[in-house]
Amino acid sequence: MQARLQRFLTLGAIAILVLLIVAFVWSEEALQSPSRAWEALSNAIITLVGEYPDRPRTLLGQVVQLLLLLFGTFAFGALIGKFSSYFVTQALAQTLAMKSFSNHIIICN
């Protein structure tokens, strides 16, 4: 049940993100020329990932900047996820460890 909810929320977030990017690209200004569409898309990604005041002037520089922004965000997320999974695993191992008892009566409720 929880896996379905998580999958649904993930797909919903991706769908909203795609719709926002499409809205930026297909805005009235972006339909005027391909360079305006590229500018709208790059502005959307930079706004979602992080604000950079200096933008490269060439198309190759802008593509490299966007790839570095996205890669940095995913790499940072993977690193934080790895650390958090380690700590969660350690916490679960401590709470699940039970001592073996003999000659005891367990009363529940």
PDB file of N, CA and C in Angstrom:
ATOM      1  N   MET A   1       0.829  -1.195   0.000  1.00  0.00           N
ATOM      2  CA  MET A   1       0.000   0.000   0.000  1.00  0.00           C
ATOM      3  C   MET A   1       0.874   1.260   0.000  1.00  0.00           C
ATOM      4  N   GLN A   2       1.890   1.284   0.855  1.00  0.00           N
ATOM      5  CA  GLN A   2       2.744   2.458   0.938  1.00  0.00           C
ATOM      6  C   GLN A   2       3.599   2.603  -0.321  1.00  0.00           C
ATOM      7  N   ALA A   3       3.994   1.497  -0.929  1.00  0.00           N
ATOM      8  CA  ALA A   3       4.775   1.561  -2.166  1.00  0.00           C
ATOM      9  C   ALA A   3       3.938   2.164  -3.294  1.00  0.00           C
ATOM     10  N   ARG A   4       2.651   1.828  -3.337  1.00  0.00           N
ATOM     11  CA  ARG A   4       1.767   2.416  -4.355  1.00  0.00           C
ATOM     12  C   ARG A   4       1.608   3.919  -4.137  1.00  0.00           C
ATOM     13  N   LEU A   5       1.446   4.318  -2.894  1.00  0.00           N
ATOM     14  CA  LEU A   5       1.301   5.740  -2.593  1.00  0.00           C
ATOM     15  C   LEU A   5       2.574   6.495  -2.954  1.00  0.00           C
ATOM     16  N   GLN A   6       3.710   5.926  -2.631  1.00  0.00           N
ATOM     17  CA  GLN A   6       4.981   6.563  -2.963  1.00  0.00           C
ATOM     18  C   GLN A   6       5.157   6.659  -4.475  1.00  0.00           C
ATOM     19  N   ARG A   7       4.813   5.607  -5.192  1.00  0.00           N
ATOM     20  CA  ARG A   7       4.906   5.624  -6.651  1.00  0.00           C
ATOM     21  C   ARG A   7       3.954   6.666  -7.238  1.00  0.00           C
ATOM     22  N   PHE A   8       2.745   6.747  -6.691  1.00  0.00           N
ATOM     23  CA  PHE A   8       1.768   7.722  -7.165  1.00  0.00           C
ATOM     24  C   PHE A   8       2.257   9.152  -6.928  1.00  0.00           C
ATOM     25  N   LEU A   9       2.796   9.422  -5.742  1.00  0.00           N
ATOM     26  CA  LEU A   9       3.296  10.762  -5.446  1.00  0.00           C
ATOM     27  C   LEU A   9       4.498  11.113  -6.316  1.00  0.00           C
ATOM     28  N   THR A  10       5.377  10.149  -6.564  1.00  0.00           N
ATOM     29  CA  THR A  10       6.532  10.400  -7.418  1.00  0.00           C
ATOM     30  C   THR A  10       6.092  10.715  -8.844  1.00  0.00           C
ATOM     31  N   LEU A  11       5.184   9.912  -9.377  1.00  0.00           N
ATOM     32  CA  LEU A  11       4.690  10.170 -10.731  1.00  0.00           C
ATOM     33  C   LEU A  11       3.940  11.497 -10.811  1.00  0.00           C
ATOM     34  N   GLY A  12       3.209  11.834  -9.756  1.00  0.00           N
ATOM     35  CA  GLY A  12       2.509  13.118  -9.731  1.00  0.00           C
ATOM     36  C   GLY A  12       3.473  14.294  -9.732  1.00  0.00           C
ATOM     37  N   ALA A  13       4.542  14.182  -8.949  1.00  0.00           N
ATOM     38  CA  ALA A  13       5.542  15.259  -8.912  1.00  0.00           C
ATOM     39  C   ALA A  13       6.242  15.401 -10.256  1.00  0.00           C
ATOM     40  N   ILE A  14       6.553  14.274 -10.891  1.00  0.00           N
ATOM     41  CA  ILE A  14       7.184  14.329 -12.210  1.00  0.00           C
ATOM     42  C   ILE A  14       6.236  14.939 -13.230  1.00  0.00           C
ATOM     43  N   ALA A  15       4.960  14.567 -13.167  1.00  0.00           N
ATOM     44  CA  ALA A  15       3.984  15.119 -14.107  1.00  0.00           C
ATOM     45  C   ALA A  15       3.827  16.627 -13.932  1.00  0.00           C
ATOM     46  N   ILE A  16       3.798  17.086 -12.697  1.00  0.00           N
ATOM     47  CA  ILE A  16       3.690  18.536 -12.445  1.00  0.00           C
ATOM     48  C   ILE A  16       4.934  19.252 -12.951  1.00  0.00           C
ATOM     49  N   LEU A  17       6.108  18.673 -12.715  1.00  0.00           N
ATOM     50  CA  LEU A  17       7.351  19.270 -13.196  1.00  0.00           C
ATOM     51  C   LEU A  17       7.364  19.369 -14.717  1.00  0.00           C
ATOM     52  N   VAL A  18       6.951  18.295 -15.382  1.00  0.00           N
ATOM     53  CA  VAL A  18       6.909  18.306 -16.850  1.00  0.00           C
ATOM     54  C   VAL A  18       5.905  19.342 -17.349  1.00  0.00           C
ATOM     55  N   LEU A  19       4.753  19.422 -16.709  1.00  0.00           N
ATOM     56  CA  LEU A  19       3.755  20.411 -17.119  1.00  0.00           C
ATOM     57  C   LEU A  19       4.259  21.840 -16.934  1.00  0.00           C
ATOM     58  N   LEU A  20       4.982  22.092 -15.850  1.00  0.00           N
ATOM     59  CA  LEU A  20       5.536  23.429 -15.646  1.00  0.00           C
ATOM     60  C   LEU A  20       6.571  23.776 -16.709  1.00  0.00           C
ATOM     61  N   ILE A  21       7.428  22.827 -17.033  1.00  0.00           N
ATOM     62  CA  ILE A  21       8.437  23.081 -18.058  1.00  0.00           C
ATOM     63  C   ILE A  21       7.778  23.295 -19.416  1.00  0.00           C
ATOM     64  N   VAL A  22       6.759  22.490 -19.733  1.00  0.00           N
ATOM     65  CA  VAL A  22       6.039  22.674 -20.996  1.00  0.00           C
ATOM     66  C   VAL A  22       5.359  24.031 -21.027  1.00  0.00           C
ATOM     67  N   ALA A  23       4.812  24.456 -19.896  1.00  0.00           N
ATOM     68  CA  ALA A  23       4.171  25.775 -19.849  1.00  0.00           C
ATOM     69  C   ALA A  23       5.185  26.887 -20.080  1.00  0.00           C
ATOM     70  N   PHE A  24       6.384  26.742 -19.520  1.00  0.00           N
ATOM     71  CA  PHE A  24       7.421  27.746 -19.765  1.00  0.00           C
ATOM     72  C   PHE A  24       7.831  27.765 -21.240  1.00  0.00           C
ATOM     73  N   VAL A  25       8.001  26.580 -21.805  1.00  0.00           N
ATOM     74  CA  VAL A  25       8.473  26.502 -23.188  1.00  0.00           C
ATOM     75  C   VAL A  25       7.408  26.993 -24.169  1.00  0.00           C
ATOM     76  N   TRP A  26       6.169  26.655 -23.936  1.00  0.00           N
ATOM     77  CA  TRP A  26       5.118  27.000 -24.882  1.00  0.00           C
ATOM     78  C   TRP A  26       4.434  28.323 -24.557  1.00  0.00           C
ATOM     79  N   SER A  27       5.065  29.117 -23.730  1.00  0.00           N
ATOM     80  CA  SER A  27       4.485  30.435 -23.456  1.00  0.00           C
ATOM     81  C   SER A  27       4.545  31.286 -24.720  1.00  0.00           C
ATOM     82  N   GLU A  28       3.874  32.377 -24.718  1.00  0.00           N
ATOM     83  CA  GLU A  28       3.778  33.218 -25.906  1.00  0.00           C
ATOM     84  C   GLU A  28       5.140  33.719 -26.369  1.00  0.00           C
ATOM     85  N   GLU A  29       6.010  34.060 -25.445  1.00  0.00           N
ATOM     86  CA  GLU A  29       7.345  34.534 -25.813  1.00  0.00           C
ATOM     87  C   GLU A  29       8.183  33.416 -26.427  1.00  0.00           C
ATOM     88  N   ALA A  30       8.026  32.203 -25.919  1.00  0.00           N
ATOM     89  CA  ALA A  30       8.848  31.094 -26.400  1.00  0.00           C
ATOM     90  C   ALA A  30       8.462  30.667 -27.803  1.00  0.00           C
ATOM     91  N   LEU A  31       7.228  30.922 -28.210  1.00  0.00           N
ATOM     92  CA  LEU A  31       6.799  30.519 -29.543  1.00  0.00           C
ATOM     93  C   LEU A  31       7.350  31.422 -30.639  1.00  0.00           C
ATOM     94  N   GLN A  32       7.944  32.536 -30.277  1.00  0.00           N
ATOM     95  CA  GLN A  32       8.439  33.465 -31.279  1.00  0.00           C
ATOM     96  C   GLN A  32       9.670  32.937 -32.000  1.00  0.00           C
ATOM     97  N   SER A  33      10.557  32.250 -31.303  1.00  0.00           N
ATOM     98  CA  SER A  33      11.760  31.719 -31.941  1.00  0.00           C
ATOM     99  C   SER A  33      12.331  30.585 -31.090  1.00  0.00           C
ATOM    100  N   PRO A  34      13.120  29.695 -31.716  1.00  0.00           N
ATOM    101  CA  PRO A  34      13.738  28.603 -30.945  1.00  0.00           C
ATOM    102  C   PRO A  34      14.686  29.099 -29.860  1.00  0.00           C
ATOM    103  N   SER A  35      15.338  30.232 -30.096  1.00  0.00           N
ATOM    104  CA  SER A  35      16.239  30.745 -29.060  1.00  0.00           C
ATOM    105  C   SER A  35      15.460  31.187 -27.837  1.00  0.00           C
ATOM    106  N   ARG A  36      14.264  31.724 -28.045  1.00  0.00           N
ATOM    107  CA  ARG A  36      13.416  32.103 -26.904  1.00  0.00           C
ATOM    108  C   ARG A  36      12.933  30.855 -26.161  1.00  0.00           C
ATOM    109  N   ALA A  37      12.637  29.785 -26.904  1.00  0.00           N
ATOM    110  CA  ALA A  37      12.218  28.533 -26.271  1.00  0.00           C
ATOM    111  C   ALA A  37      13.353  27.962 -25.429  1.00  0.00           C
ATOM    112  N   TRP A  38      14.597  27.990 -25.963  1.00  0.00           N
ATOM    113  CA  TRP A  38      15.745  27.504 -25.199  1.00  0.00           C
ATOM    114  C   TRP A  38      15.950  28.349 -23.948  1.00  0.00           C
ATOM    115  N   GLU A  39      15.799  29.661 -24.078  1.00  0.00           N
ATOM    116  CA  GLU A  39      15.968  30.556 -22.931  1.00  0.00           C
ATOM    117  C   GLU A  39      14.910  30.272 -21.861  1.00  0.00           C
ATOM    118  N   ALA A  40      13.671  30.028 -22.291  1.00  0.00           N
ATOM    119  CA  ALA A  40      12.609  29.721 -21.330  1.00  0.00           C
ATOM    120  C   ALA A  40      12.883  28.407 -20.615  1.00  0.00           C
ATOM    121  N   LEU A  41      13.335  27.394 -21.363  1.00  0.00           N
ATOM    122  CA  LEU A  41      13.627  26.099 -20.749  1.00  0.00           C
ATOM    123  C   LEU A  41      14.798  26.200 -19.779  1.00  0.00           C
ATOM    124  N   SER A  42      15.857  26.892 -20.180  1.00  0.00           N
ATOM    125  CA  SER A  42      17.009  27.023 -19.289  1.00  0.00           C
ATOM    126  C   SER A  42      16.656  27.842 -18.049  1.00  0.00           C
ATOM    127  N   ASN A  43      15.838  28.873 -18.205  1.00  0.00           N
ATOM    128  CA  ASN A  43      15.403  29.638 -17.039  1.00  0.00           C
ATOM    129  C   ASN A  43      14.569  28.791 -16.094  1.00  0.00           C
ATOM    130  N   ALA A  44      13.730  27.920 -16.644  1.00  0.00           N
ATOM    131  CA  ALA A  44      12.914  27.039 -15.798  1.00  0.00           C
ATOM    132  C   ALA A  44      13.793  26.094 -15.002  1.00  0.00           C
ATOM    133  N   ILE A  45      14.783  25.487 -15.655  1.00  0.00           N
ATOM    134  CA  ILE A  45      15.658  24.535 -14.956  1.00  0.00           C
ATOM    135  C   ILE A  45      16.506  25.256 -13.913  1.00  0.00           C
ATOM    136  N   ILE A  46      17.046  26.413 -14.254  1.00  0.00           N
ATOM    137  CA  ILE A  46      17.862  27.158 -13.299  1.00  0.00           C
ATOM    138  C   ILE A  46      17.016  27.594 -12.109  1.00  0.00           C
ATOM    139  N   THR A  47      15.775  27.986 -12.346  1.00  0.00           N
ATOM    140  CA  THR A  47      14.901  28.389 -11.246  1.00  0.00           C
ATOM    141  C   THR A  47      14.573  27.206 -10.348  1.00  0.00           C
ATOM    142  N   LEU A  48      14.350  26.032 -10.928  1.00  0.00           N
ATOM    143  CA  LEU A  48      14.015  24.853 -10.131  1.00  0.00           C
ATOM    144  C   LEU A  48      15.213  24.314  -9.364  1.00  0.00           C
ATOM    145  N   VAL A  49      16.410  24.395  -9.930  1.00  0.00           N
ATOM    146  CA  VAL A  49      17.593  23.803  -9.311  1.00  0.00           C
ATOM    147  C   VAL A  49      18.320  24.797  -8.418  1.00  0.00           C
ATOM    148  N   GLY A  50      18.505  25.994  -8.876  1.00  0.00           N
ATOM    149  CA  GLY A  50      19.223  26.995  -8.090  1.00  0.00           C
ATOM    150  C   GLY A  50      19.478  28.218  -8.940  1.00  0.00           C
ATOM    151  N   GLU A  51      19.582  29.339  -8.310  1.00  0.00           N
ATOM    152  CA  GLU A  51      19.743  30.609  -9.026  1.00  0.00           C
ATOM    153  C   GLU A  51      21.212  30.886  -9.277  1.00  0.00           C
ATOM    154  N   TYR A  52      21.566  31.133 -10.525  1.00  0.00           N
ATOM    155  CA  TYR A  52      22.919  31.503 -10.907  1.00  0.00           C
ATOM    156  C   TYR A  52      22.864  32.854 -11.597  1.00  0.00           C
ATOM    157  N   PRO A  53      23.499  33.864 -11.035  1.00  0.00           N
ATOM    158  CA  PRO A  53      23.400  35.198 -11.631  1.00  0.00           C
ATOM    159  C   PRO A  53      24.156  35.333 -12.946  1.00  0.00           C
ATOM    160  N   ASP A  54      25.270  34.614 -13.112  1.00  0.00           N
ATOM    161  CA  ASP A  54      26.062  34.717 -14.337  1.00  0.00           C
ATOM    162  C   ASP A  54      25.701  33.572 -15.265  1.00  0.00           C
ATOM    163  N   ARG A  55      25.292  33.915 -16.475  1.00  0.00           N
ATOM    164  CA  ARG A  55      24.933  32.901 -17.455  1.00  0.00           C
ATOM    165  C   ARG A  55      25.962  32.920 -18.573  1.00  0.00           C
ATOM    166  N   PRO A  56      26.344  31.742 -19.063  1.00  0.00           N
ATOM    167  CA  PRO A  56      27.266  31.701 -20.198  1.00  0.00           C
ATOM    168  C   PRO A  56      26.614  32.328 -21.437  1.00  0.00           C
ATOM    169  N   ARG A  57      27.443  32.835 -22.328  1.00  0.00           N
ATOM    170  CA  ARG A  57      26.920  33.508 -23.519  1.00  0.00           C
ATOM    171  C   ARG A  57      26.703  32.545 -24.688  1.00  0.00           C
ATOM    172  N   THR A  58      27.478  31.458 -24.748  1.00  0.00           N
ATOM    173  CA  THR A  58      27.359  30.535 -25.876  1.00  0.00           C
ATOM    174  C   THR A  58      26.361  29.432 -25.553  1.00  0.00           C
ATOM    175  N   LEU A  59      25.831  28.812 -26.601  1.00  0.00           N
ATOM    176  CA  LEU A  59      24.877  27.715 -26.423  1.00  0.00           C
ATOM    177  C   LEU A  59      25.542  26.525 -25.740  1.00  0.00           C
ATOM    178  N   LEU A  60      26.774  26.208 -26.124  1.00  0.00           N
ATOM    179  CA  LEU A  60      27.491  25.099 -25.498  1.00  0.00           C
ATOM    180  C   LEU A  60      27.705  25.367 -24.009  1.00  0.00           C
ATOM    181  N   GLY A  61      28.051  26.589 -23.661  1.00  0.00           N
ATOM    182  CA  GLY A  61      28.228  26.938 -22.253  1.00  0.00           C
ATOM    183  C   GLY A  61      26.943  26.811 -21.464  1.00  0.00           C
ATOM    184  N   GLN A  62      25.830  27.193 -22.064  1.00  0.00           N
ATOM    185  CA  GLN A  62      24.539  27.079 -21.381  1.00  0.00           C
ATOM    186  C   GLN A  62      24.149  25.619 -21.186  1.00  0.00           C
ATOM    187  N   VAL A  63      24.408  24.774 -22.199  1.00  0.00           N
ATOM    188  CA  VAL A  63      24.099  23.343 -22.071  1.00  0.00           C
ATOM    189  C   VAL A  63      24.954  22.714 -20.979  1.00  0.00           C
ATOM    190  N   VAL A  64      26.241  23.043 -20.971  1.00  0.00           N
ATOM    191  CA  VAL A  64      27.137  22.500 -19.944  1.00  0.00           C
ATOM    192  C   VAL A  64      26.703  22.975 -18.564  1.00  0.00           C
ATOM    193  N   GLN A  65      26.309  24.240 -18.448  1.00  0.00           N
ATOM    194  CA  GLN A  65      25.852  24.765 -17.157  1.00  0.00           C
ATOM    195  C   GLN A  65      24.622  24.004 -16.673  1.00  0.00           C
ATOM    196  N   LEU A  66      23.652  23.769 -17.547  1.00  0.00           N
ATOM    197  CA  LEU A  66      22.444  23.054 -17.140  1.00  0.00           C
ATOM    198  C   LEU A  66      22.755  21.613 -16.762  1.00  0.00           C
ATOM    199  N   LEU A  67      23.635  20.955 -17.525  1.00  0.00           N
ATOM    200  CA  LEU A  67      24.003  19.583 -17.180  1.00  0.00           C
ATOM    201  C   LEU A  67      24.731  19.523 -15.838  1.00  0.00           C
ATOM    202  N   LEU A  68      25.611  20.478 -15.592  1.00  0.00           N
ATOM    203  CA  LEU A  68      26.303  20.508 -14.297  1.00  0.00           C
ATOM    204  C   LEU A  68      25.341  20.774 -13.149  1.00  0.00           C
ATOM    205  N   LEU A  69      24.378  21.659 -13.357  1.00  0.00           N
ATOM    206  CA  LEU A  69      23.378  21.924 -12.319  1.00  0.00           C
ATOM    207  C   LEU A  69      22.585  20.664 -11.999  1.00  0.00           C
ATOM    208  N   LEU A  70      22.116  19.983 -13.033  1.00  0.00           N
ATOM    209  CA  LEU A  70      21.315  18.776 -12.806  1.00  0.00           C
ATOM    210  C   LEU A  70      22.155  17.661 -12.202  1.00  0.00           C
ATOM    211  N   PHE A  71      23.370  17.447 -12.725  1.00  0.00           N
ATOM    212  CA  PHE A  71      24.230  16.395 -12.192  1.00  0.00           C
ATOM    213  C   PHE A  71      24.600  16.671 -10.736  1.00  0.00           C
ATOM    214  N   GLY A  72      24.907  17.930 -10.427  1.00  0.00           N
ATOM    215  CA  GLY A  72      25.243  18.276  -9.043  1.00  0.00           C
ATOM    216  C   GLY A  72      24.096  18.028  -8.093  1.00  0.00           C
ATOM    217  N   THR A  73      22.891  18.353  -8.536  1.00  0.00           N
ATOM    218  CA  THR A  73      21.716  18.127  -7.692  1.00  0.00           C
ATOM    219  C   THR A  73      21.498  16.634  -7.465  1.00  0.00           C
ATOM    220  N   PHE A  74      21.590  15.830  -8.536  1.00  0.00           N
ATOM    221  CA  PHE A  74      21.386  14.395  -8.385  1.00  0.00           C
ATOM    222  C   PHE A  74      22.500  13.744  -7.576  1.00  0.00           C
ATOM    223  N   ALA A  75      23.734  14.181  -7.768  1.00  0.00           N
ATOM    224  CA  ALA A  75      24.853  13.617  -7.006  1.00  0.00           C
ATOM    225  C   ALA A  75      24.720  13.946  -5.520  1.00  0.00           C
ATOM    226  N   PHE A  76      24.346  15.192  -5.216  1.00  0.00           N
ATOM    227  CA  PHE A  76      24.149  15.571  -3.821  1.00  0.00           C
ATOM    228  C   PHE A  76      23.008  14.771  -3.199  1.00  0.00           C
ATOM    229  N   GLY A  77      21.918  14.587  -3.942  1.00  0.00           N
ATOM    230  CA  GLY A  77      20.791  13.796  -3.443  1.00  0.00           C
ATOM    231  C   GLY A  77      21.170  12.351  -3.204  1.00  0.00           C
ATOM    232  N   ALA A  78      21.975  11.776  -4.101  1.00  0.00           N
ATOM    233  CA  ALA A  78      22.409  10.390  -3.922  1.00  0.00           C
ATOM    234  C   ALA A  78      23.309  10.249  -2.702  1.00  0.00           C
ATOM    235  N   LEU A  79      24.188  11.214  -2.495  1.00  0.00           N
ATOM    236  CA  LEU A  79      25.083  11.180  -1.337  1.00  0.00           C
ATOM    237  C   LEU A  79      24.293  11.297  -0.029  1.00  0.00           C
ATOM    238  N   ILE A  80      23.372  12.220   0.024  1.00  0.00           N
ATOM    239  CA  ILE A  80      22.538  12.384   1.228  1.00  0.00           C
ATOM    240  C   ILE A  80      21.680  11.143   1.451  1.00  0.00           C
ATOM    241  N   GLY A  81      21.155  10.565   0.366  1.00  0.00           N
ATOM    242  CA  GLY A  81      20.354   9.339   0.488  1.00  0.00           C
ATOM    243  C   GLY A  81      21.157   8.182   1.033  1.00  0.00           C
ATOM    244  N   LYS A  82      22.410   8.078   0.596  1.00  0.00           N
ATOM    245  CA  LYS A  82      23.274   6.994   1.079  1.00  0.00           C
ATOM    246  C   LYS A  82      23.552   7.146   2.576  1.00  0.00           C
ATOM    247  N   PHE A  83      23.872   8.383   3.000  1.00  0.00           N
ATOM    248  CA  PHE A  83      24.110   8.626   4.430  1.00  0.00           C
ATOM    249  C   PHE A  83      22.855   8.351   5.256  1.00  0.00           C
ATOM    250  N   SER A  84      21.724   8.824   4.802  1.00  0.00           N
ATOM    251  CA  SER A  84      20.501   8.628   5.579  1.00  0.00           C
ATOM    252  C   SER A  84      20.113   7.153   5.641  1.00  0.00           C
ATOM    253  N   SER A  85      20.313   6.401   4.550  1.00  0.00           N
ATOM    254  CA  SER A  85      19.986   4.975   4.595  1.00  0.00           C
ATOM    255  C   SER A  85      20.902   4.234   5.562  1.00  0.00           C
ATOM    256  N   TYR A  86      22.153   4.671   5.665  1.00  0.00           N
ATOM    257  CA  TYR A  86      23.064   4.052   6.630  1.00  0.00           C
ATOM    258  C   TYR A  86      22.562   4.264   8.051  1.00  0.00           C
ATOM    259  N   PHE A  87      22.172   5.507   8.378  1.00  0.00           N
ATOM    260  CA  PHE A  87      21.708   5.792   9.727  1.00  0.00           C
ATOM    261  C   PHE A  87      20.377   5.114  10.036  1.00  0.00           C
ATOM    262  N   VAL A  88      19.500   5.038   9.058  1.00  0.00           N
ATOM    263  CA  VAL A  88      18.225   4.343   9.272  1.00  0.00           C
ATOM    264  C   VAL A  88      18.457   2.859   9.487  1.00  0.00           C
ATOM    265  N   THR A  89      19.370   2.272   8.722  1.00  0.00           N
ATOM    266  CA  THR A  89      19.688   0.852   8.891  1.00  0.00           C
ATOM    267  C   THR A  89      20.276   0.594  10.274  1.00  0.00           C
ATOM    268  N   GLN A  90      21.142   1.472  10.738  1.00  0.00           N
ATOM    269  CA  GLN A  90      21.719   1.317  12.079  1.00  0.00           C
ATOM    270  C   GLN A  90      20.644   1.439  13.152  1.00  0.00           C
ATOM    271  N   ALA A  91      19.731   2.381  12.988  1.00  0.00           N
ATOM    272  CA  ALA A  91      18.665   2.563  13.979  1.00  0.00           C
ATOM    273  C   ALA A  91      17.737   1.354  14.005  1.00  0.00           C
ATOM    274  N   LEU A  92      17.410   0.816  12.839  1.00  0.00           N
ATOM    275  CA  LEU A  92      16.546  -0.366  12.797  1.00  0.00           C
ATOM    276  C   LEU A  92      17.237  -1.582  13.375  1.00  0.00           C
ATOM    277  N   ALA A  93      18.520  -1.715  13.165  1.00  0.00           N
ATOM    278  CA  ALA A  93      19.258  -2.853  13.717  1.00  0.00           C
ATOM    279  C   ALA A  93      19.287  -2.800  15.243  1.00  0.00           C
ATOM    280  N   GLN A  94      19.346  -1.606  15.802  1.00  0.00           N
ATOM    281  CA  GLN A  94      19.358  -1.475  17.262  1.00  0.00           C
ATOM    282  C   GLN A  94      17.992  -1.755  17.851  1.00  0.00           C
ATOM    283  N   THR A  95      16.920  -1.316  17.185  1.00  0.00           N
ATOM    284  CA  THR A  95      15.590  -1.514  17.756  1.00  0.00           C
ATOM    285  C   THR A  95      15.084  -2.930  17.525  1.00  0.00           C
ATOM    286  N   LEU A  96      15.557  -3.610  16.486  1.00  0.00           N
ATOM    287  CA  LEU A  96      15.080  -4.955  16.208  1.00  0.00           C
ATOM    288  C   LEU A  96      15.845  -6.026  16.970  1.00  0.00           C
ATOM    289  N   ALA A  97      16.984  -5.684  17.522  1.00  0.00           N
ATOM    290  CA  ALA A  97      17.771  -6.669  18.265  1.00  0.00           C
ATOM    291  C   ALA A  97      17.063  -6.999  19.575  1.00  0.00           C
ATOM    292  N   MET A  98      16.768  -8.266  19.763  1.00  0.00           N
ATOM    293  CA  MET A  98      16.085  -8.695  20.984  1.00  0.00           C
ATOM    294  C   MET A  98      16.981  -9.661  21.746  1.00  0.00           C
ATOM    295  N   LYS A  99      16.898  -9.559  23.036  1.00  0.00           N
ATOM    296  CA  LYS A  99      17.637 -10.489  23.877  1.00  0.00           C
ATOM    297  C   LYS A  99      16.807 -11.754  24.041  1.00  0.00           C
ATOM    298  N   SER A 100      17.479 -12.854  24.119  1.00  0.00           N
ATOM    299  CA  SER A 100      16.747 -14.111  24.334  1.00  0.00           C
ATOM    300  C   SER A 100      16.559 -14.314  25.837  1.00  0.00           C
ATOM    301  N   PHE A 101      15.344 -14.617  26.202  1.00  0.00           N
ATOM    302  CA  PHE A 101      15.003 -14.849  27.607  1.00  0.00           C
ATOM    303  C   PHE A 101      14.580 -16.296  27.780  1.00  0.00           C
ATOM    304  N   SER A 102      14.749 -16.785  28.979  1.00  0.00           N
ATOM    305  CA  SER A 102      14.244 -18.121  29.311  1.00  0.00           C
ATOM    306  C   SER A 102      13.540 -18.047  30.658  1.00  0.00           C
ATOM    307  N   ASN A 103      12.536 -18.882  30.806  1.00  0.00           N
ATOM    308  CA  ASN A 103      11.729 -18.953  32.030  1.00  0.00           C
ATOM    309  C   ASN A 103      11.055 -17.623  32.343  1.00  0.00           C
ATOM    310  N   HIS A 104      10.471 -16.995  31.354  1.00  0.00           N
ATOM    311  CA  HIS A 104       9.730 -15.759  31.526  1.00  0.00           C
ATOM    312  C   HIS A 104       8.348 -15.903  30.920  1.00  0.00           C
ATOM    313  N   ILE A 105       7.429 -15.117  31.423  1.00  0.00           N
ATOM    314  CA  ILE A 105       6.070 -15.088  30.881  1.00  0.00           C
ATOM    315  C   ILE A 105       5.859 -13.717  30.266  1.00  0.00           C
ATOM    316  N   ILE A 106       5.375 -13.662  29.016  1.00  0.00           N
ATOM    317  CA  ILE A 106       5.109 -12.412  28.339  1.00  0.00           C
ATOM    318  C   ILE A 106       3.609 -12.175  28.343  1.00  0.00           C
ATOM    319  N   ILE A 107       3.206 -11.029  28.862  1.00  0.00           N
ATOM    320  CA  ILE A 107       1.781 -10.658  28.905  1.00  0.00           C
ATOM    321  C   ILE A 107       1.587  -9.458  27.982  1.00  0.00           C
ATOM    322  N   CYS A 108       0.741  -9.618  26.983  1.00  0.00           N
ATOM    323  CA  CYS A 108       0.448  -8.530  26.039  1.00  0.00           C
ATOM    324  C   CYS A 108      -0.943  -7.992  26.326  1.00  0.00           C
ATOM    325  N   ASN A 109      -1.082  -6.688  26.306  1.00  0.00           N
ATOM    326  CA  ASN A 109      -2.354  -5.994  26.576  1.00  0.00           C
ATOM    327  C   ASN A 109      -2.852  -6.312  27.954  1.00  0.00           C
TER     328      ASN A 109
END
